[in-house]
C-alpha atoms as a PDB file:
ATOM      1  CA  UNK A   1       6.462   8.348   5.200  1.00  0.00           C
ATOM      2  CA  UNK A   2       7.816   5.646   7.449  1.00  0.00           C
ATOM      3  CA  UNK A   3       7.760   4.232  10.961  1.00  0.00           C
ATOM      4  CA  UNK A   4       9.866   1.784  12.946  1.00  0.00           C
ATOM      5  CA  UNK A   5       8.879  -1.791  13.810  1.00  0.00           C
ATOM      6  CA  UNK A   6      10.721  -4.306  16.019  1.00  0.00           C
ATOM      7  CA  UNK A   7      10.407  -8.062  15.430  1.00  0.00           C
ATOM      8  CA  UNK A   8      10.282 -10.442  18.373  1.00  0.00           C
ATOM      9  CA  UNK A   9      10.622  -7.899  21.148  1.00  0.00           C
ATOM     10  CA  UNK A  10       8.059  -7.730  23.951  1.00  0.00           C
ATOM     11  CA  UNK A  11       7.567  -3.977  23.793  1.00  0.00           C
ATOM     12  CA  UNK A  12       4.398  -1.942  24.175  1.00  0.00           C
ATOM     13  CA  UNK A  13       3.083  -0.043  21.132  1.00  0.00           C
ATOM     14  CA  UNK A  14       1.894   2.752  23.429  1.00  0.00           C
ATOM     15  CA  UNK A  15       3.185   6.332  23.424  1.00  0.00           C
ATOM     16  CA  UNK A  16       6.692   6.486  21.891  1.00  0.00           C
ATOM     17  CA  UNK A  17       7.045   2.692  21.497  1.00  0.00           C
ATOM     18  CA  UNK A  18       6.766   0.167  18.680  1.00  0.00           C
ATOM     19  CA  UNK A  19       3.757   1.547  16.823  1.00  0.00           C
ATOM     20  CA  UNK A  20       3.422   1.332  13.052  1.00  0.00           C
ATOM     21  CA  UNK A  21       0.934   4.199  13.340  1.00  0.00           C
ATOM     22  CA  UNK A  22       3.601   6.785  14.303  1.00  0.00           C
ATOM     23  CA  UNK A  23       4.630   7.992  10.873  1.00  0.00           C
ATOM     24  CA  UNK A  24       7.636  10.165  10.110  1.00  0.00           C
ATOM     25  CA  UNK A  25       7.717  12.210   6.923  1.00  0.00           C
ATOM     26  CA  UNK A  26      10.663  13.424   4.832  1.00  0.00           C
ATOM     27  CA  UNK A  27      12.950  15.861   6.697  1.00  0.00           C
ATOM     28  CA  UNK A  28      11.112  15.091   9.965  1.00  0.00           C
ATOM     29  CA  UNK A  29      12.429  13.413  13.089  1.00  0.00           C
ATOM     30  CA  UNK A  30      10.598  11.531  15.809  1.00  0.00           C
ATOM     31  CA  UNK A  31      11.945  10.008  18.999  1.00  0.00           C
ATOM     32  CA  UNK A  32      11.277   6.423  20.018  1.00  0.00           C
ATOM     33  CA  UNK A  33      11.418   5.252  23.614  1.00  0.00           C
ATOM     34  CA  UNK A  34      11.484   1.554  24.490  1.00  0.00           C
ATOM     35  CA  UNK A  35      11.175   0.031  27.939  1.00  0.00           C
ATOM     36  CA  UNK A  36      12.544  -3.490  27.864  1.00  0.00           C
ATOM     37  CA  UNK A  37      10.947  -5.638  30.588  1.00  0.00           C
ATOM     38  CA  UNK A  38      13.289  -7.138  33.186  1.00  0.00           C
ATOM     39  CA  UNK A  39      12.191 -10.664  32.199  1.00  0.00           C
ATOM     40  CA  UNK A  40      12.688 -10.089  28.440  1.00  0.00           C
ATOM     41  CA  UNK A  41      14.612 -12.979  26.870  1.00  0.00           C
ATOM     42  CA  UNK A  42      18.135 -12.323  25.624  1.00  0.00           C
ATOM     43  CA  UNK A  43      18.674 -12.424  21.895  1.00  0.00           C
ATOM     44  CA  UNK A  44      19.249 -10.616  18.647  1.00  0.00           C
ATOM     45  CA  UNK A  45      16.181  -8.906  17.235  1.00  0.00           C
ATOM     46  CA  UNK A  46      15.431  -7.159  13.936  1.00  0.00           C
ATOM     47  CA  UNK A  47      14.038  -3.684  13.290  1.00  0.00           C
ATOM     48  CA  UNK A  48      12.821  -2.319   9.971  1.00  0.00           C
ATOM     49  CA  UNK A  49      10.599   0.428   8.591  1.00  0.00           C
ATOM     50  CA  UNK A  50       6.871   0.158   8.059  1.00  0.00           C
ATOM     51  CA  UNK A  51       6.375   2.746   5.383  1.00  0.00           C
ATOM     52  CA  UNK A  52       3.377   4.009   3.525  1.00  0.00           C
ATOM     53  CA  UNK A  53       3.663   1.507   0.655  1.00  0.00           C
ATOM     54  CA  UNK A  54       7.459   1.797   0.487  1.00  0.00           C
ATOM     55  CA  UNK A  55       8.768  -0.423   3.298  1.00  0.00           C
ATOM     56  CA  UNK A  56      10.311  -2.931   0.849  1.00  0.00           C
ATOM     57  CA  UNK A  57      12.318  -0.171  -0.845  1.00  0.00           C
ATOM     58  CA  UNK A  58      13.340   1.290   2.519  1.00  0.00           C
ATOM     59  CA  UNK A  59      14.463  -2.092   3.887  1.00  0.00           C
ATOM     60  CA  UNK A  60      16.358  -2.883   0.666  1.00  0.00           C
ATOM     61  CA  UNK A  61      17.997   0.554   1.060  1.00  0.00           C
ATOM     62  CA  UNK A  62      19.409  -0.669   4.405  1.00  0.00           C
ATOM     63  CA  UNK A  63      16.986   1.204   6.652  1.00  0.00           C
ATOM     64  CA  UNK A  64      17.008  -1.789   8.987  1.00  0.00           C
ATOM     65  CA  UNK A  65      19.214  -3.289  11.648  1.00  0.00           C
ATOM     66  CA  UNK A  66      19.643  -5.443  14.723  1.00  0.00           C
ATOM     67  CA  UNK A  67      19.006  -4.901  18.433  1.00  0.00           C
ATOM     68  CA  UNK A  68      20.938  -7.069  20.908  1.00  0.00           C
ATOM     69  CA  UNK A  69      19.400  -7.701  24.330  1.00  0.00           C
ATOM     70  CA  UNK A  70      21.800  -9.169  26.906  1.00  0.00           C
END
């Protein structure tokens, strides 16, 4: 089980957003939808999994990355 979490971004956890409560199991797929506010600062931000006790293993397994906001 895992979910997606964004660091430093001003994004709502509602609906299909940045919520650690939306879990995805093996062989499942879920869709995320992010609305970036017009006034959001530019920068490079980090996303990583928030798993059910396994987020360290998932992040070490390269299930993480960067988001660039211009």
